[in-house]
N, C-alpha and C. Protein backbone atom coordinates (compact mmCIF):
# COMPACT_ATOMS: atom_id res chain seq x y z
N UNK A 1 13.81 21.49 -2.01
CA UNK A 1 12.99 20.54 -1.28
C UNK A 1 11.73 21.26 -0.79
N UNK A 2 10.60 20.64 -0.97
CA UNK A 2 9.32 21.23 -0.58
C UNK A 2 9.08 21.00 0.91
N UNK A 3 8.55 22.02 1.56
CA UNK A 3 8.18 21.93 2.98
C UNK A 3 6.76 22.43 3.14
N UNK A 4 6.14 22.05 4.23
CA UNK A 4 4.74 22.40 4.48
C UNK A 4 4.59 23.05 5.86
N UNK A 5 5.20 24.23 6.07
CA UNK A 5 5.13 24.88 7.38
C UNK A 5 3.78 25.55 7.65
N UNK A 6 3.05 25.87 6.61
CA UNK A 6 1.77 26.56 6.73
C UNK A 6 0.67 25.53 6.94
N UNK A 7 0.03 25.57 8.08
CA UNK A 7 -1.01 24.58 8.37
C UNK A 7 -2.39 25.01 7.89
N UNK A 8 -2.45 26.11 7.15
CA UNK A 8 -3.72 26.55 6.58
C UNK A 8 -4.17 25.55 5.53
N UNK A 9 -5.46 25.35 5.46
CA UNK A 9 -6.07 24.52 4.43
C UNK A 9 -7.49 24.98 4.28
N UNK A 10 -8.08 24.72 3.15
CA UNK A 10 -9.47 25.11 2.93
C UNK A 10 -10.12 24.09 2.02
N UNK A 11 -11.44 24.02 2.12
CA UNK A 11 -12.19 23.10 1.27
C UNK A 11 -12.65 23.87 0.03
N UNK A 12 -12.37 23.36 -1.13
CA UNK A 12 -12.76 23.96 -2.40
C UNK A 12 -13.94 23.15 -2.95
N UNK A 13 -15.14 23.72 -2.84
CA UNK A 13 -16.35 23.00 -3.27
C UNK A 13 -16.34 22.73 -4.78
N UNK A 14 -15.80 23.66 -5.54
CA UNK A 14 -15.78 23.50 -6.99
C UNK A 14 -14.93 22.30 -7.40
N UNK A 15 -13.76 22.17 -6.78
CA UNK A 15 -12.86 21.06 -7.12
C UNK A 15 -13.13 19.81 -6.28
N UNK A 16 -14.00 19.94 -5.27
CA UNK A 16 -14.30 18.84 -4.34
C UNK A 16 -13.00 18.29 -3.77
N UNK A 17 -12.22 19.22 -3.20
CA UNK A 17 -10.89 18.89 -2.70
C UNK A 17 -10.49 19.85 -1.59
N UNK A 18 -9.55 19.42 -0.77
CA UNK A 18 -8.95 20.29 0.22
C UNK A 18 -7.68 20.88 -0.39
N UNK A 19 -7.56 22.19 -0.28
CA UNK A 19 -6.40 22.89 -0.82
C UNK A 19 -5.44 23.21 0.31
N UNK A 20 -4.13 23.02 0.04
CA UNK A 20 -3.10 23.39 1.00
C UNK A 20 -1.87 23.82 0.24
N UNK A 21 -0.88 24.36 0.93
CA UNK A 21 0.25 24.97 0.28
C UNK A 21 1.57 24.42 0.79
N UNK A 22 2.53 24.36 -0.11
CA UNK A 22 3.89 23.98 0.23
C UNK A 22 4.84 25.04 -0.27
N UNK A 23 6.07 25.03 0.25
CA UNK A 23 7.05 26.05 -0.12
C UNK A 23 8.39 25.40 -0.43
N UNK A 24 8.94 25.79 -1.56
CA UNK A 24 10.27 25.38 -1.99
C UNK A 24 11.07 26.67 -2.06
N UNK A 25 11.80 26.98 -1.00
CA UNK A 25 12.46 28.28 -0.83
C UNK A 25 11.38 29.35 -0.89
N UNK A 26 11.46 30.26 -1.84
CA UNK A 26 10.48 31.34 -1.93
C UNK A 26 9.31 31.01 -2.85
N UNK A 27 9.30 29.83 -3.43
CA UNK A 27 8.25 29.43 -4.37
C UNK A 27 7.12 28.75 -3.62
N UNK A 28 5.91 29.27 -3.81
CA UNK A 28 4.72 28.67 -3.20
C UNK A 28 4.06 27.75 -4.22
N UNK A 29 3.67 26.57 -3.77
CA UNK A 29 2.98 25.61 -4.63
C UNK A 29 1.64 25.25 -4.00
N UNK A 30 0.60 25.21 -4.81
CA UNK A 30 -0.74 24.82 -4.35
C UNK A 30 -0.95 23.33 -4.58
N UNK A 31 -1.54 22.70 -3.60
CA UNK A 31 -1.87 21.27 -3.68
C UNK A 31 -3.34 21.09 -3.40
N UNK A 32 -3.92 20.09 -4.07
CA UNK A 32 -5.32 19.72 -3.85
C UNK A 32 -5.37 18.22 -3.61
N UNK A 33 -6.05 17.81 -2.54
CA UNK A 33 -6.29 16.40 -2.31
C UNK A 33 -7.79 16.19 -2.45
N UNK A 34 -8.17 15.33 -3.39
CA UNK A 34 -9.60 15.21 -3.68
C UNK A 34 -10.33 14.35 -2.64
N UNK A 35 -11.65 14.39 -2.72
CA UNK A 35 -12.48 13.67 -1.76
C UNK A 35 -12.21 12.18 -1.76
N UNK A 36 -11.97 11.61 -2.93
CA UNK A 36 -11.70 10.17 -3.02
C UNK A 36 -10.47 9.77 -2.23
N UNK A 37 -9.44 10.58 -2.32
CA UNK A 37 -8.21 10.29 -1.57
C UNK A 37 -8.46 10.42 -0.07
N UNK A 38 -9.21 11.43 0.33
CA UNK A 38 -9.51 11.60 1.75
C UNK A 38 -10.37 10.46 2.28
N UNK A 39 -11.30 9.99 1.46
CA UNK A 39 -12.14 8.84 1.86
C UNK A 39 -11.29 7.58 2.01
N UNK A 40 -10.28 7.43 1.17
CA UNK A 40 -9.38 6.27 1.28
C UNK A 40 -8.58 6.35 2.58
N UNK A 41 -8.11 7.55 2.91
CA UNK A 41 -7.29 7.72 4.10
C UNK A 41 -8.10 7.59 5.39
N UNK A 42 -9.35 8.03 5.36
CA UNK A 42 -10.20 8.00 6.55
C UNK A 42 -11.62 7.63 6.15
N UNK A 43 -11.86 6.32 5.96
CA UNK A 43 -13.17 5.87 5.46
C UNK A 43 -14.35 6.26 6.35
N UNK A 44 -14.15 6.43 7.62
CA UNK A 44 -15.25 6.74 8.53
C UNK A 44 -15.59 8.21 8.63
N UNK A 45 -14.89 9.07 7.92
CA UNK A 45 -15.14 10.51 8.00
C UNK A 45 -16.49 10.84 7.37
N UNK A 46 -17.09 11.90 7.88
CA UNK A 46 -18.35 12.35 7.27
C UNK A 46 -18.03 12.99 5.93
N UNK A 47 -18.92 12.84 4.99
CA UNK A 47 -18.69 13.31 3.63
C UNK A 47 -19.25 14.72 3.45
N UNK A 48 -18.71 15.65 4.23
CA UNK A 48 -19.05 17.06 4.12
C UNK A 48 -17.78 17.87 4.38
N UNK A 49 -17.87 19.18 4.26
CA UNK A 49 -16.69 20.02 4.39
C UNK A 49 -15.96 19.78 5.71
N UNK A 50 -16.68 19.76 6.80
CA UNK A 50 -16.04 19.55 8.11
C UNK A 50 -15.37 18.19 8.19
N UNK A 51 -16.01 17.17 7.65
CA UNK A 51 -15.44 15.83 7.67
C UNK A 51 -14.17 15.72 6.84
N UNK A 52 -14.16 16.35 5.67
CA UNK A 52 -12.98 16.31 4.81
C UNK A 52 -11.81 17.09 5.43
N UNK A 53 -12.11 18.23 6.05
CA UNK A 53 -11.05 18.99 6.71
C UNK A 53 -10.49 18.21 7.90
N UNK A 54 -11.36 17.54 8.63
CA UNK A 54 -10.92 16.71 9.76
C UNK A 54 -10.06 15.55 9.26
N UNK A 55 -10.46 14.92 8.18
CA UNK A 55 -9.67 13.82 7.60
C UNK A 55 -8.31 14.33 7.16
N UNK A 56 -8.26 15.53 6.59
CA UNK A 56 -6.99 16.12 6.21
C UNK A 56 -6.11 16.33 7.43
N UNK A 57 -6.67 16.95 8.46
CA UNK A 57 -5.90 17.24 9.67
C UNK A 57 -5.37 15.97 10.32
N UNK A 58 -6.18 14.93 10.33
CA UNK A 58 -5.78 13.67 10.97
C UNK A 58 -4.70 12.93 10.20
N UNK A 59 -4.57 13.23 8.92
CA UNK A 59 -3.62 12.52 8.06
C UNK A 59 -2.60 13.45 7.42
N UNK A 60 -2.39 14.60 8.02
CA UNK A 60 -1.52 15.63 7.44
C UNK A 60 -0.13 15.11 7.08
N UNK A 61 0.51 14.35 7.97
CA UNK A 61 1.87 13.87 7.70
C UNK A 61 1.92 12.97 6.47
N UNK A 62 0.96 12.06 6.35
CA UNK A 62 0.90 11.14 5.21
C UNK A 62 0.62 11.93 3.93
N UNK A 63 -0.28 12.90 4.01
CA UNK A 63 -0.64 13.71 2.85
C UNK A 63 0.55 14.54 2.39
N UNK A 64 1.26 15.16 3.33
CA UNK A 64 2.42 15.98 2.96
C UNK A 64 3.53 15.13 2.36
N UNK A 65 3.72 13.91 2.86
CA UNK A 65 4.73 13.02 2.28
C UNK A 65 4.36 12.67 0.84
N UNK A 66 3.09 12.38 0.59
CA UNK A 66 2.64 12.08 -0.78
C UNK A 66 2.76 13.32 -1.67
N UNK A 67 2.45 14.48 -1.12
CA UNK A 67 2.56 15.72 -1.89
C UNK A 67 4.01 15.99 -2.28
N UNK A 68 4.94 15.70 -1.39
CA UNK A 68 6.37 15.90 -1.70
C UNK A 68 6.79 14.98 -2.84
N UNK A 69 6.28 13.76 -2.87
CA UNK A 69 6.61 12.84 -3.97
C UNK A 69 6.05 13.36 -5.29
N UNK A 70 4.81 13.82 -5.28
CA UNK A 70 4.20 14.35 -6.49
C UNK A 70 4.96 15.59 -6.96
N UNK A 71 5.36 16.44 -6.03
CA UNK A 71 6.10 17.65 -6.36
C UNK A 71 7.44 17.33 -7.00
N UNK A 72 8.09 16.30 -6.52
CA UNK A 72 9.43 15.97 -7.02
C UNK A 72 9.42 15.48 -8.47
N UNK A 73 8.24 15.15 -9.00
CA UNK A 73 8.15 14.64 -10.37
C UNK A 73 8.18 15.75 -11.42
N UNK A 74 8.07 17.00 -11.00
CA UNK A 74 8.13 18.08 -11.96
C UNK A 74 7.38 19.31 -11.49
N UNK A 75 7.83 20.44 -11.95
CA UNK A 75 7.28 21.72 -11.52
C UNK A 75 6.02 22.07 -12.32
N UNK A 76 4.98 22.42 -11.60
CA UNK A 76 3.71 22.87 -12.20
C UNK A 76 3.15 23.97 -11.32
N UNK A 77 2.07 24.54 -11.73
CA UNK A 77 1.42 25.59 -10.94
C UNK A 77 0.69 25.03 -9.74
N UNK A 78 0.05 23.86 -9.92
CA UNK A 78 -0.64 23.22 -8.80
C UNK A 78 -0.53 21.70 -8.97
N UNK A 79 -0.78 21.01 -7.90
CA UNK A 79 -0.59 19.56 -7.86
C UNK A 79 -1.84 18.92 -7.27
N UNK A 80 -2.28 17.82 -7.91
CA UNK A 80 -3.46 17.11 -7.46
C UNK A 80 -3.07 15.76 -6.86
N UNK A 81 -3.61 15.48 -5.69
CA UNK A 81 -3.43 14.18 -5.06
C UNK A 81 -4.75 13.44 -5.16
N UNK A 82 -4.67 12.19 -5.61
CA UNK A 82 -5.85 11.35 -5.78
C UNK A 82 -5.65 10.06 -4.98
N UNK A 83 -6.66 9.24 -4.92
CA UNK A 83 -6.59 8.01 -4.13
C UNK A 83 -5.39 7.14 -4.50
N UNK A 84 -5.03 7.12 -5.77
CA UNK A 84 -3.89 6.29 -6.22
C UNK A 84 -2.56 6.72 -5.60
N UNK A 85 -2.49 7.93 -5.08
CA UNK A 85 -1.27 8.41 -4.44
C UNK A 85 -1.08 7.83 -3.04
N UNK A 86 -2.09 7.07 -2.54
CA UNK A 86 -2.02 6.57 -1.16
C UNK A 86 -2.15 5.07 -1.11
């Protein structure tokens, strides 16, 4: 089962997404939630790095629940969350 105890996150300008990490026992998994998904979750957020990080922080529980669902569909190196996941 995937857990998200690490509250670290960062904005990846290249991928236009916020990156965060989950852990399944000793296995670390990288997750990316793109700008479109963050805009869906928090339409009033500013469309810059600070705004996207704030939107992530404000919706962390919902994002982690969606990430757990995506993770349960199969093992990969990284996982992308898009607006359709919400």
